[in-house]
Structures are given as C-alpha cells and as structure tokens.
C-alpha cells in the first residue's frame, strides 16, 4: 500500500510516519524542518507542487497532516491560516481525485463547533475532504499527548519533556477541560481503517472524560519527580466533547485515560526508540 503523508516533520506527522512506515510504503513530505533525508519538500499551498508529487508517487492513500494547529497564530494570521489549513486540503482533494486516491484528513475537535479561525479552517477542510471521489476518512483528535520524533515543535507534550529534561518545576492550567488524545492511538486507528478499507467516516480519537493540562502534567511529571503546581488561567476556550461511539461502532482501538498516561510515561522512558533511519537535526522552524 503506497501512502503519501504531508507534514511528516510536524509533531503529529513525525509520529505517524514512524508508526505507519513499518506497515506501509510511506513517502513523507516536509516544508520547514527536514526530519529525515528521505522526506520530500512540498509546499502544500502550491497546486503545481502538490499535483506533481501526487502524479509522481501515485499513492493509493494520502494522509494530510500538514497544518498549523496553533489557534492563536490562526487568529493573528487568518488569511495564512485559511491558505495553509483549508485551501491546501481543497487542492489535495482535487489532485487525489484525479488518480482515485483516498484521503485521510487529520482534523480537530474544534471542527465540531467552529467558533474561531482554526476551527473554521478545520470545518471547511472536513467539508472539502468529503468530496474525495475515492473516499475519505476524517480523524478528529482533541489536545494530543504522546512522544513524537519531533521534540522541537512547541506542542503541549514537548513542554512536558522540557520540564523533565531541564528538571524544572512546572505550572499548568486548571481552567480549560478537554478529552485527551494519544498520538499512538491516532496511528493505530489510521492503520486499522486502511487495512479494513473503512471509508467515508468522521472518527473522533480521544478518551472519555474531561481532563486539564494540570491533570496531565501532574500524572506524567510526578513519575519523574517534577513538582507540578496548579494555576487558574481563566482559559475561556470552548469545551468540546464527543461520546466516542464511532470508535465502538467501527470496532476500532479504544483507550482509557489511565492507559494513555501509562503509554506516555513508557515512551518517555524509552524515547531512544523514536528515531528515523537517515534522520537529520531539526531546525527551529515550526511546521
């Protein structure tokens, strides 16, 4: 099975590449950071570049993970956010349909109730991907935790790693609640839908029950003897939940909160395994 993965040097994309390349023939793309010498440079806002790489590789499945998931950046740069997060999806769907490739979109819980620029770009991307002629899958995670070969991008889990590596006390917010998503769970669900040819579904990938950034930091960092202090930042980010019935209905992998915390701790302790062949040093640019 030939797979094209956009954003393979991003936090989420790097873990997807690490996991899925063991199962499928995966070509990864990058734009700013080149995490592996095997990756091919691609500007996902450039129609000609997208059409060229898809035509050259002839993938059966395209996993579109390239995006900017920083909601504040999207609010500050709405035109760029629409171009990067939304228009790129529309271009990829059009190019994929020409060769009858299926499209898997890494979306977000924010698409369920799109009250900000980021949520609206994901909502519109989900609408676009549903026009894929060969079929689609939408993967909806919430806030994502778990180890990725990309430890540079400023993502919540990488901040936890810095607390551990720098042995610094941590202060984390108690105000915003969400259903955590485990990055390895996303890989598992994608592998399962590919192998079982599940199509035309929107699949939330998270655990039941609401947690805060403080809960996660306390439960992970405490194992590494890092002091974690709570702070109420009065975060008014909308609480978006899902009953996760789709995972059960499709007989896909499910995890409890306790299980994903255990997996995160195990991954931190064994982080040396998360390396690519032909990996190269990351620069500081954020995908």
C-alpha atoms as a PDB file:
ATOM      1  CA  UNK A   1       0.000   0.000   0.000  1.00  0.00           C
ATOM      2  CA  UNK A   2       1.512   3.319  -1.121  1.00  0.00           C
ATOM      3  CA  UNK A   3       0.856   6.238   1.215  1.00  0.00           C
ATOM      4  CA  UNK A   4       1.732   9.916   0.865  1.00  0.00           C
ATOM      5  CA  UNK A   5       1.948  11.728   4.207  1.00  0.00           C
ATOM      6  CA  UNK A   6       2.040  15.533   4.217  1.00  0.00           C
ATOM      7  CA  UNK A   7       3.624  17.298   7.162  1.00  0.00           C
ATOM      8  CA  UNK A   8       5.774  14.303   8.094  1.00  0.00           C
ATOM      9  CA  UNK A   9       8.194  16.505  10.039  1.00  0.00           C
ATOM     10  CA  UNK A  10       5.477  18.012  12.241  1.00  0.00           C
ATOM     11  CA  UNK A  11       4.752  16.781  15.770  1.00  0.00           C
ATOM     12  CA  UNK A  12       1.817  14.612  14.688  1.00  0.00           C
ATOM     13  CA  UNK A  13       3.159  13.786  11.225  1.00  0.00           C
ATOM     14  CA  UNK A  14       6.512  12.560  12.522  1.00  0.00           C
ATOM     15  CA  UNK A  15       4.857  10.025  14.827  1.00  0.00           C
ATOM     16  CA  UNK A  16       2.508   8.920  12.049  1.00  0.00           C
ATOM     17  CA  UNK A  17       5.490   8.384   9.757  1.00  0.00           C
ATOM     18  CA  UNK A  18       7.394   6.485  12.453  1.00  0.00           C
ATOM     19  CA  UNK A  19       4.447   4.146  13.116  1.00  0.00           C
ATOM     20  CA  UNK A  20       2.914   3.739   9.671  1.00  0.00           C
ATOM     21  CA  UNK A  21       6.148   3.298   7.696  1.00  0.00           C
ATOM     22  CA  UNK A  22       6.519  -0.038   9.493  1.00  0.00           C
ATOM     23  CA  UNK A  23       3.284  -1.205   7.878  1.00  0.00           C
ATOM     24  CA  UNK A  24       3.075   0.612   4.550  1.00  0.00           C
ATOM     25  CA  UNK A  25       5.236   2.199   1.850  1.00  0.00           C
ATOM     26  CA  UNK A  26       5.130   5.793   3.074  1.00  0.00           C
ATOM     27  CA  UNK A  27       6.514   8.894   1.376  1.00  0.00           C
ATOM     28  CA  UNK A  28       6.770  11.791   3.828  1.00  0.00           C
ATOM     29  CA  UNK A  29       6.830  15.479   2.942  1.00  0.00           C
ATOM     30  CA  UNK A  30       8.191  18.481   4.796  1.00  0.00           C
ATOM     31  CA  UNK A  31       8.322  22.236   4.307  1.00  0.00           C
ATOM     32  CA  UNK A  32      10.392  23.959   7.028  1.00  0.00           C
ATOM     33  CA  UNK A  33      12.058  21.184   9.025  1.00  0.00           C
ATOM     34  CA  UNK A  34      13.520  18.158   7.291  1.00  0.00           C
ATOM     35  CA  UNK A  35      13.406  15.467   9.950  1.00  0.00           C
ATOM     36  CA  UNK A  36      14.603  12.721   7.607  1.00  0.00           C
ATOM     37  CA  UNK A  37      16.718  12.700   4.470  1.00  0.00           C
ATOM     38  CA  UNK A  38      14.001  10.517   2.967  1.00  0.00           C
ATOM     39  CA  UNK A  39      11.437  13.319   3.127  1.00  0.00           C
ATOM     40  CA  UNK A  40      10.469  15.292   0.035  1.00  0.00           C
ATOM     41  CA  UNK A  41       9.981  19.053   0.205  1.00  0.00           C
ATOM     42  CA  UNK A  42       6.433  20.190  -0.523  1.00  0.00           C
ATOM     43  CA  UNK A  43       4.589  23.473  -0.231  1.00  0.00           C
ATOM     44  CA  UNK A  44       1.030  22.290   0.419  1.00  0.00           C
ATOM     45  CA  UNK A  45      -0.351  25.656  -0.680  1.00  0.00           C
ATOM     46  CA  UNK A  46       1.202  25.259  -4.140  1.00  0.00           C
ATOM     47  CA  UNK A  47      -1.146  23.462  -6.535  1.00  0.00           C
ATOM     48  CA  UNK A  48       1.544  22.625  -9.089  1.00  0.00           C
ATOM     49  CA  UNK A  49       3.836  21.096  -6.453  1.00  0.00           C
ATOM     50  CA  UNK A  50       1.001  19.023  -4.997  1.00  0.00           C
ATOM     51  CA  UNK A  51      -0.112  17.739  -8.387  1.00  0.00           C
ATOM     52  CA  UNK A  52       3.468  16.891  -9.326  1.00  0.00           C
ATOM     53  CA  UNK A  53       4.263  14.880  -6.178  1.00  0.00           C
ATOM     54  CA  UNK A  54       0.950  13.037  -6.321  1.00  0.00           C
ATOM     55  CA  UNK A  55       1.359  12.247 -10.001  1.00  0.00           C
ATOM     56  CA  UNK A  56       4.958  11.100  -9.491  1.00  0.00           C
ATOM     57  CA  UNK A  57       4.238   8.915  -6.458  1.00  0.00           C
ATOM     58  CA  UNK A  58       0.754   7.655  -7.422  1.00  0.00           C
ATOM     59  CA  UNK A  59      -0.228   6.966  -3.792  1.00  0.00           C
ATOM     60  CA  UNK A  60      -3.298   4.902  -3.027  1.00  0.00           C
ATOM     61  CA  UNK A  61      -3.866   6.917   0.156  1.00  0.00           C
ATOM     62  CA  UNK A  62      -2.956  10.489   1.075  1.00  0.00           C
ATOM     63  CA  UNK A  63      -2.783  11.371   4.768  1.00  0.00           C
ATOM     64  CA  UNK A  64      -2.980  15.137   5.111  1.00  0.00           C
ATOM     65  CA  UNK A  65      -1.364  16.162   8.403  1.00  0.00           C
ATOM     66  CA  UNK A  66       0.318  19.416   7.331  1.00  0.00           C
ATOM     67  CA  UNK A  67      -1.310  22.363   9.130  1.00  0.00           C
ATOM     68  CA  UNK A  68      -0.766  24.991  11.771  1.00  0.00           C
ATOM     69  CA  UNK A  69      -2.663  23.889  14.886  1.00  0.00           C
ATOM     70  CA  UNK A  70      -1.882  27.000  16.932  1.00  0.00           C
ATOM     71  CA  UNK A  71      -5.250  28.706  17.427  1.00  0.00           C
ATOM     72  CA  UNK A  72      -3.631  31.995  18.477  1.00  0.00           C
ATOM     73  CA  UNK A  73      -1.469  32.051  15.352  1.00  0.00           C
ATOM     74  CA  UNK A  74      -4.550  31.399  13.240  1.00  0.00           C
ATOM     75  CA  UNK A  75      -6.422  34.299  14.862  1.00  0.00           C
ATOM     76  CA  UNK A  76      -3.456  36.607  14.266  1.00  0.00           C
ATOM     77  CA  UNK A  77      -2.945  35.391  10.666  1.00  0.00           C
ATOM     78  CA  UNK A  78      -6.397  34.455   9.333  1.00  0.00           C
ATOM     79  CA  UNK A  79      -5.532  34.676   5.632  1.00  0.00           C
ATOM     80  CA  UNK A  80      -2.450  32.493   6.047  1.00  0.00           C
ATOM     81  CA  UNK A  81      -4.404  30.070   8.247  1.00  0.00           C
ATOM     82  CA  UNK A  82      -7.079  29.665   5.586  1.00  0.00           C
ATOM     83  CA  UNK A  83      -4.426  29.139   2.930  1.00  0.00           C
ATOM     84  CA  UNK A  84      -2.395  26.620   4.927  1.00  0.00           C
ATOM     85  CA  UNK A  85      -5.118  24.739   6.781  1.00  0.00           C
ATOM     86  CA  UNK A  86      -8.046  24.916   4.380  1.00  0.00           C
ATOM     87  CA  UNK A  87      -7.055  25.714   0.802  1.00  0.00           C
ATOM     88  CA  UNK A  88      -4.288  23.098   0.906  1.00  0.00           C
ATOM     89  CA  UNK A  89      -6.896  20.455   1.718  1.00  0.00           C
ATOM     90  CA  UNK A  90      -9.038  21.530  -1.212  1.00  0.00           C
ATOM     91  CA  UNK A  91      -6.048  21.304  -3.572  1.00  0.00           C
ATOM     92  CA  UNK A  92      -5.047  17.866  -2.254  1.00  0.00           C
ATOM     93  CA  UNK A  93      -8.583  16.512  -2.614  1.00  0.00           C
ATOM     94  CA  UNK A  94      -8.735  17.702  -6.226  1.00  0.00           C
ATOM     95  CA  UNK A  95      -5.367  16.152  -7.085  1.00  0.00           C
ATOM     96  CA  UNK A  96      -6.187  12.920  -5.242  1.00  0.00           C
ATOM     97  CA  UNK A  97      -9.460  12.524  -7.104  1.00  0.00           C
ATOM     98  CA  UNK A  98      -7.629  12.638 -10.435  1.00  0.00           C
ATOM     99  CA  UNK A  99      -5.748   9.439  -9.570  1.00  0.00           C
ATOM    100  CA  UNK A 100      -8.505   7.859  -7.428  1.00  0.00           C
ATOM    101  CA  UNK A 101      -6.503   8.157  -4.206  1.00  0.00           C
ATOM    102  CA  UNK A 102      -8.320   8.086  -0.871  1.00  0.00           C
ATOM    103  CA  UNK A 103      -7.746  10.971   1.537  1.00  0.00           C
ATOM    104  CA  UNK A 104      -7.326  10.807   5.311  1.00  0.00           C
ATOM    105  CA  UNK A 105      -7.525  14.214   6.981  1.00  0.00           C
ATOM    106  CA  UNK A 106      -6.109  14.949  10.418  1.00  0.00           C
ATOM    107  CA  UNK A 107      -8.757  17.366  11.676  1.00  0.00           C
ATOM    108  CA  UNK A 108      -9.669  18.503  15.196  1.00  0.00           C
ATOM    109  CA  UNK A 109     -12.442  18.521  17.773  1.00  0.00           C
ATOM    110  CA  UNK A 110     -12.500  22.262  17.021  1.00  0.00           C
ATOM    111  CA  UNK A 111     -14.302  21.467  13.747  1.00  0.00           C
ATOM    112  CA  UNK A 112     -17.367  20.308  15.711  1.00  0.00           C
ATOM    113  CA  UNK A 113     -18.101  23.832  16.929  1.00  0.00           C
ATOM    114  CA  UNK A 114     -16.006  26.211  14.817  1.00  0.00           C
ATOM    115  CA  UNK A 115     -16.017  29.397  16.871  1.00  0.00           C
ATOM    116  CA  UNK A 116     -12.526  30.605  15.873  1.00  0.00           C
ATOM    117  CA  UNK A 117     -10.395  30.787  12.730  1.00  0.00           C
ATOM    118  CA  UNK A 118      -8.652  27.476  13.432  1.00  0.00           C
ATOM    119  CA  UNK A 119     -11.947  25.655  13.987  1.00  0.00           C
ATOM    120  CA  UNK A 120     -13.461  27.130  10.840  1.00  0.00           C
ATOM    121  CA  UNK A 121     -10.481  26.086   8.708  1.00  0.00           C
ATOM    122  CA  UNK A 122     -10.832  22.537  10.012  1.00  0.00           C
ATOM    123  CA  UNK A 123     -14.599  22.576   9.491  1.00  0.00           C
ATOM    124  CA  UNK A 124     -14.164  23.698   5.889  1.00  0.00           C
ATOM    125  CA  UNK A 125     -11.389  21.143   5.370  1.00  0.00           C
ATOM    126  CA  UNK A 126     -13.714  18.378   6.526  1.00  0.00           C
ATOM    127  CA  UNK A 127     -16.331  19.549   4.036  1.00  0.00           C
ATOM    128  CA  UNK A 128     -13.713  19.561   1.273  1.00  0.00           C
ATOM    129  CA  UNK A 129     -12.349  16.107   2.017  1.00  0.00           C
ATOM    130  CA  UNK A 130     -15.828  14.622   1.867  1.00  0.00           C
ATOM    131  CA  UNK A 131     -15.784  15.444  -1.856  1.00  0.00           C
ATOM    132  CA  UNK A 132     -12.950  12.982  -2.447  1.00  0.00           C
ATOM    133  CA  UNK A 133     -14.092  10.700  -5.277  1.00  0.00           C
ATOM    134  CA  UNK A 134     -12.268   7.604  -3.997  1.00  0.00           C
ATOM    135  CA  UNK A 135     -13.422   8.046  -0.407  1.00  0.00           C
ATOM    136  CA  UNK A 136     -12.262   9.758   2.755  1.00  0.00           C
ATOM    137  CA  UNK A 137     -11.623   9.417   6.462  1.00  0.00           C
ATOM    138  CA  UNK A 138     -11.617  12.334   8.903  1.00  0.00           C
ATOM    139  CA  UNK A 139      -9.644  11.788  12.102  1.00  0.00           C
ATOM    140  CA  UNK A 140     -10.697  14.174  14.880  1.00  0.00           C
ATOM    141  CA  UNK A 141      -8.322  14.409  17.853  1.00  0.00           C
ATOM    142  CA  UNK A 142      -8.520  16.826  20.761  1.00  0.00           C
ATOM    143  CA  UNK A 143      -5.387  18.007  22.590  1.00  0.00           C
ATOM    144  CA  UNK A 144      -2.728  15.438  21.673  1.00  0.00           C
ATOM    145  CA  UNK A 145      -0.163  13.869  24.001  1.00  0.00           C
ATOM    146  CA  UNK A 146       2.479  11.214  23.424  1.00  0.00           C
ATOM    147  CA  UNK A 147       6.038  11.002  22.176  1.00  0.00           C
ATOM    148  CA  UNK A 148       6.954  12.102  18.663  1.00  0.00           C
ATOM    149  CA  UNK A 149      10.332  12.057  16.883  1.00  0.00           C
ATOM    150  CA  UNK A 150       9.757  15.802  16.548  1.00  0.00           C
ATOM    151  CA  UNK A 151      10.590  17.135  20.022  1.00  0.00           C
ATOM    152  CA  UNK A 152      11.204  20.683  18.762  1.00  0.00           C
ATOM    153  CA  UNK A 153       7.759  21.987  17.838  1.00  0.00           C
ATOM    154  CA  UNK A 154       6.057  23.863  20.659  1.00  0.00           C
ATOM    155  CA  UNK A 155       3.353  21.340  21.461  1.00  0.00           C
ATOM    156  CA  UNK A 156       1.953  20.529  24.932  1.00  0.00           C
ATOM    157  CA  UNK A 157       3.720  17.181  25.239  1.00  0.00           C
ATOM    158  CA  UNK A 158       7.073  18.645  24.216  1.00  0.00           C
ATOM    159  CA  UNK A 159       6.716  21.206  27.006  1.00  0.00           C
ATOM    160  CA  UNK A 160       6.394  18.321  29.447  1.00  0.00           C
ATOM    161  CA  UNK A 161       9.603  16.849  28.038  1.00  0.00           C
ATOM    162  CA  UNK A 162      11.409  20.131  28.642  1.00  0.00           C
ATOM    163  CA  UNK A 163      10.283  20.091  32.273  1.00  0.00           C
ATOM    164  CA  UNK A 164      11.776  16.619  32.625  1.00  0.00           C
ATOM    165  CA  UNK A 165      14.998  17.274  30.748  1.00  0.00           C
ATOM    166  CA  UNK A 166      15.649  20.633  32.392  1.00  0.00           C
ATOM    167  CA  UNK A 167      14.417  19.413  35.813  1.00  0.00           C
ATOM    168  CA  UNK A 168      12.282  22.497  36.211  1.00  0.00           C
ATOM    169  CA  UNK A 169       9.182  22.896  38.353  1.00  0.00           C
ATOM    170  CA  UNK A 170       6.050  23.148  36.260  1.00  0.00           C
ATOM    171  CA  UNK A 171       2.970  25.377  36.422  1.00  0.00           C
ATOM    172  CA  UNK A 172      -0.033  24.192  34.445  1.00  0.00           C
ATOM    173  CA  UNK A 173      -3.542  25.492  33.909  1.00  0.00           C
ATOM    174  CA  UNK A 174      -6.624  24.019  35.594  1.00  0.00           C
ATOM    175  CA  UNK A 175      -9.312  26.050  33.814  1.00  0.00           C
ATOM    176  CA  UNK A 176      -9.756  24.515  30.343  1.00  0.00           C
ATOM    177  CA  UNK A 177     -11.078  20.946  30.129  1.00  0.00           C
ATOM    178  CA  UNK A 178     -10.811  18.557  27.179  1.00  0.00           C
ATOM    179  CA  UNK A 179     -10.762  14.879  26.248  1.00  0.00           C
ATOM    180  CA  UNK A 180      -7.079  13.993  25.723  1.00  0.00           C
ATOM    181  CA  UNK A 181      -5.951  12.244  22.545  1.00  0.00           C
ATOM    182  CA  UNK A 182      -2.975   9.869  22.452  1.00  0.00           C
ATOM    183  CA  UNK A 183      -0.758  10.231  19.404  1.00  0.00           C
ATOM    184  CA  UNK A 184      -0.146   6.478  19.119  1.00  0.00           C
ATOM    185  CA  UNK A 185      -3.904   5.924  19.131  1.00  0.00           C
ATOM    186  CA  UNK A 186      -4.199   8.101  16.029  1.00  0.00           C
ATOM    187  CA  UNK A 187      -1.635   5.902  14.249  1.00  0.00           C
ATOM    188  CA  UNK A 188      -3.478   2.737  15.296  1.00  0.00           C
ATOM    189  CA  UNK A 189      -6.843   3.972  14.051  1.00  0.00           C
ATOM    190  CA  UNK A 190      -5.367   5.041  10.705  1.00  0.00           C
ATOM    191  CA  UNK A 191      -3.680   1.650  10.293  1.00  0.00           C
ATOM    192  CA  UNK A 192      -6.949  -0.106  11.067  1.00  0.00           C
ATOM    193  CA  UNK A 193      -9.084   1.932   8.656  1.00  0.00           C
ATOM    194  CA  UNK A 194      -6.548   1.413   5.873  1.00  0.00           C
ATOM    195  CA  UNK A 195      -6.273  -2.339   6.371  1.00  0.00           C
ATOM    196  CA  UNK A 196     -10.031  -2.788   6.710  1.00  0.00           C
ATOM    197  CA  UNK A 197     -10.855  -0.302   3.946  1.00  0.00           C
ATOM    198  CA  UNK A 198     -13.151   1.722   6.179  1.00  0.00           C
ATOM    199  CA  UNK A 199     -14.310   4.780   4.253  1.00  0.00           C
ATOM    200  CA  UNK A 200     -16.424   7.900   4.491  1.00  0.00           C
ATOM    201  CA  UNK A 201     -16.403   8.221   8.269  1.00  0.00           C
ATOM    202  CA  UNK A 202     -15.621  11.013  10.723  1.00  0.00           C
ATOM    203  CA  UNK A 203     -13.824   9.372  13.631  1.00  0.00           C
ATOM    204  CA  UNK A 204     -13.080  11.081  16.962  1.00  0.00           C
ATOM    205  CA  UNK A 205      -9.872   9.768  18.520  1.00  0.00           C
ATOM    206  CA  UNK A 206      -9.717  10.595  22.223  1.00  0.00           C
ATOM    207  CA  UNK A 207     -10.503   9.148  25.638  1.00  0.00           C
ATOM    208  CA  UNK A 208     -13.684   9.522  27.652  1.00  0.00           C
ATOM    209  CA  UNK A 209     -13.736  12.042  30.481  1.00  0.00           C
ATOM    210  CA  UNK A 210     -12.541  15.615  30.769  1.00  0.00           C
ATOM    211  CA  UNK A 211      -9.048  16.500  31.963  1.00  0.00           C
ATOM    212  CA  UNK A 212      -6.967  19.662  32.227  1.00  0.00           C
ATOM    213  CA  UNK A 213      -3.372  20.468  31.312  1.00  0.00           C
ATOM    214  CA  UNK A 214      -2.617  20.337  35.030  1.00  0.00           C
ATOM    215  CA  UNK A 215      -4.075  16.826  35.352  1.00  0.00           C
ATOM    216  CA  UNK A 216      -1.866  15.531  32.560  1.00  0.00           C
ATOM    217  CA  UNK A 217       1.253  17.298  33.812  1.00  0.00           C
ATOM    218  CA  UNK A 218       0.707  16.039  37.362  1.00  0.00           C
ATOM    219  CA  UNK A 219       0.074  12.459  36.257  1.00  0.00           C
ATOM    220  CA  UNK A 220       3.112  12.306  33.941  1.00  0.00           C
ATOM    221  CA  UNK A 221       5.666  14.596  35.541  1.00  0.00           C
ATOM    222  CA  UNK A 222       5.087  13.274  39.049  1.00  0.00           C
ATOM    223  CA  UNK A 223       6.581   9.949  37.953  1.00  0.00           C
ATOM    224  CA  UNK A 224       9.798  11.831  37.071  1.00  0.00           C
ATOM    225  CA  UNK A 225       9.861  13.732  40.390  1.00  0.00           C
ATOM    226  CA  UNK A 226       8.965  17.055  38.822  1.00  0.00           C
ATOM    227  CA  UNK A 227       6.890  19.323  41.026  1.00  0.00           C
ATOM    228  CA  UNK A 228       3.695  20.460  39.317  1.00  0.00           C
ATOM    229  CA  UNK A 229       1.736  23.453  40.593  1.00  0.00           C
ATOM    230  CA  UNK A 230      -1.800  24.393  39.502  1.00  0.00           C
ATOM    231  CA  UNK A 231      -2.808  27.804  38.215  1.00  0.00           C
ATOM    232  CA  UNK A 232      -6.202  29.046  37.066  1.00  0.00           C
ATOM    233  CA  UNK A 233      -5.585  30.996  33.850  1.00  0.00           C
ATOM    234  CA  UNK A 234      -9.299  31.543  33.285  1.00  0.00           C
ATOM    235  CA  UNK A 235      -8.993  29.983  29.836  1.00  0.00           C
ATOM    236  CA  UNK A 236     -12.329  30.529  28.079  1.00  0.00           C
ATOM    237  CA  UNK A 237     -11.594  28.078  25.255  1.00  0.00           C
ATOM    238  CA  UNK A 238     -14.794  26.247  24.420  1.00  0.00           C
ATOM    239  CA  UNK A 239     -15.114  22.785  25.958  1.00  0.00           C
ATOM    240  CA  UNK A 240     -15.892  20.392  23.085  1.00  0.00           C
ATOM    241  CA  UNK A 241     -16.725  16.761  23.828  1.00  0.00           C
ATOM    242  CA  UNK A 242     -17.564  13.608  21.904  1.00  0.00           C
ATOM    243  CA  UNK A 243     -19.188  10.394  23.071  1.00  0.00           C
ATOM    244  CA  UNK A 244     -16.703   8.308  21.008  1.00  0.00           C
ATOM    245  CA  UNK A 245     -19.454   5.950  19.832  1.00  0.00           C
ATOM    246  CA  UNK A 246     -17.904   5.927  16.359  1.00  0.00           C
ATOM    247  CA  UNK A 247     -14.834   4.073  17.666  1.00  0.00           C
ATOM    248  CA  UNK A 248     -17.053   1.435  19.227  1.00  0.00           C
ATOM    249  CA  UNK A 249     -19.350   1.173  16.208  1.00  0.00           C
ATOM    250  CA  UNK A 250     -16.412   0.594  13.852  1.00  0.00           C
ATOM    251  CA  UNK A 251     -14.639  -1.744  16.298  1.00  0.00           C
ATOM    252  CA  UNK A 252     -11.562   0.463  16.419  1.00  0.00           C
ATOM    253  CA  UNK A 253      -8.991   0.723  19.191  1.00  0.00           C
ATOM    254  CA  UNK A 254     -10.095   2.476  22.367  1.00  0.00           C
ATOM    255  CA  UNK A 255      -8.126   3.593  25.414  1.00  0.00           C
ATOM    256  CA  UNK A 256      -8.815   4.840  28.909  1.00  0.00           C
ATOM    257  CA  UNK A 257      -7.129   7.910  30.354  1.00  0.00           C
ATOM    258  CA  UNK A 258      -5.082   5.723  32.677  1.00  0.00           C
ATOM    259  CA  UNK A 259      -3.862   3.638  29.734  1.00  0.00           C
ATOM    260  CA  UNK A 260      -2.687   6.591  27.651  1.00  0.00           C
ATOM    261  CA  UNK A 261      -0.889   8.148  30.607  1.00  0.00           C
ATOM    262  CA  UNK A 262       0.899   4.826  31.127  1.00  0.00           C
ATOM    263  CA  UNK A 263       1.883   4.723  27.464  1.00  0.00           C
ATOM    264  CA  UNK A 264       3.190   8.305  27.582  1.00  0.00           C
ATOM    265  CA  UNK A 265       5.353   7.522  30.611  1.00  0.00           C
ATOM    266  CA  UNK A 266       6.703   4.383  28.941  1.00  0.00           C
ATOM    267  CA  UNK A 267       7.517   6.314  25.775  1.00  0.00           C
ATOM    268  CA  UNK A 268       9.405   8.984  27.689  1.00  0.00           C
ATOM    269  CA  UNK A 269      11.470   6.343  29.448  1.00  0.00           C
ATOM    270  CA  UNK A 270      12.219   4.615  26.135  1.00  0.00           C
ATOM    271  CA  UNK A 271      12.455   7.657  23.899  1.00  0.00           C
ATOM    272  CA  UNK A 272      15.595   6.392  22.170  1.00  0.00           C
ATOM    273  CA  UNK A 273      13.471   4.076  20.032  1.00  0.00           C
ATOM    274  CA  UNK A 274      11.752   7.006  18.302  1.00  0.00           C
ATOM    275  CA  UNK A 275      14.407   7.642  15.694  1.00  0.00           C
ATOM    276  CA  UNK A 276      14.294   7.525  11.929  1.00  0.00           C
ATOM    277  CA  UNK A 277      16.884   5.967   9.731  1.00  0.00           C
ATOM    278  CA  UNK A 278      18.598   8.816   7.887  1.00  0.00           C
ATOM    279  CA  UNK A 279      17.332  11.351  10.413  1.00  0.00           C
ATOM    280  CA  UNK A 280      18.888  14.801  10.458  1.00  0.00           C
ATOM    281  CA  UNK A 281      18.936  17.590  13.011  1.00  0.00           C
ATOM    282  CA  UNK A 282      15.781  19.652  13.327  1.00  0.00           C
ATOM    283  CA  UNK A 283      15.985  23.393  12.945  1.00  0.00           C
ATOM    284  CA  UNK A 284      13.740  25.718  14.953  1.00  0.00           C
ATOM    285  CA  UNK A 285      11.110  26.422  12.294  1.00  0.00           C
ATOM    286  CA  UNK A 286       7.592  25.287  13.123  1.00  0.00           C
ATOM    287  CA  UNK A 287       5.553  23.404  10.543  1.00  0.00           C
END
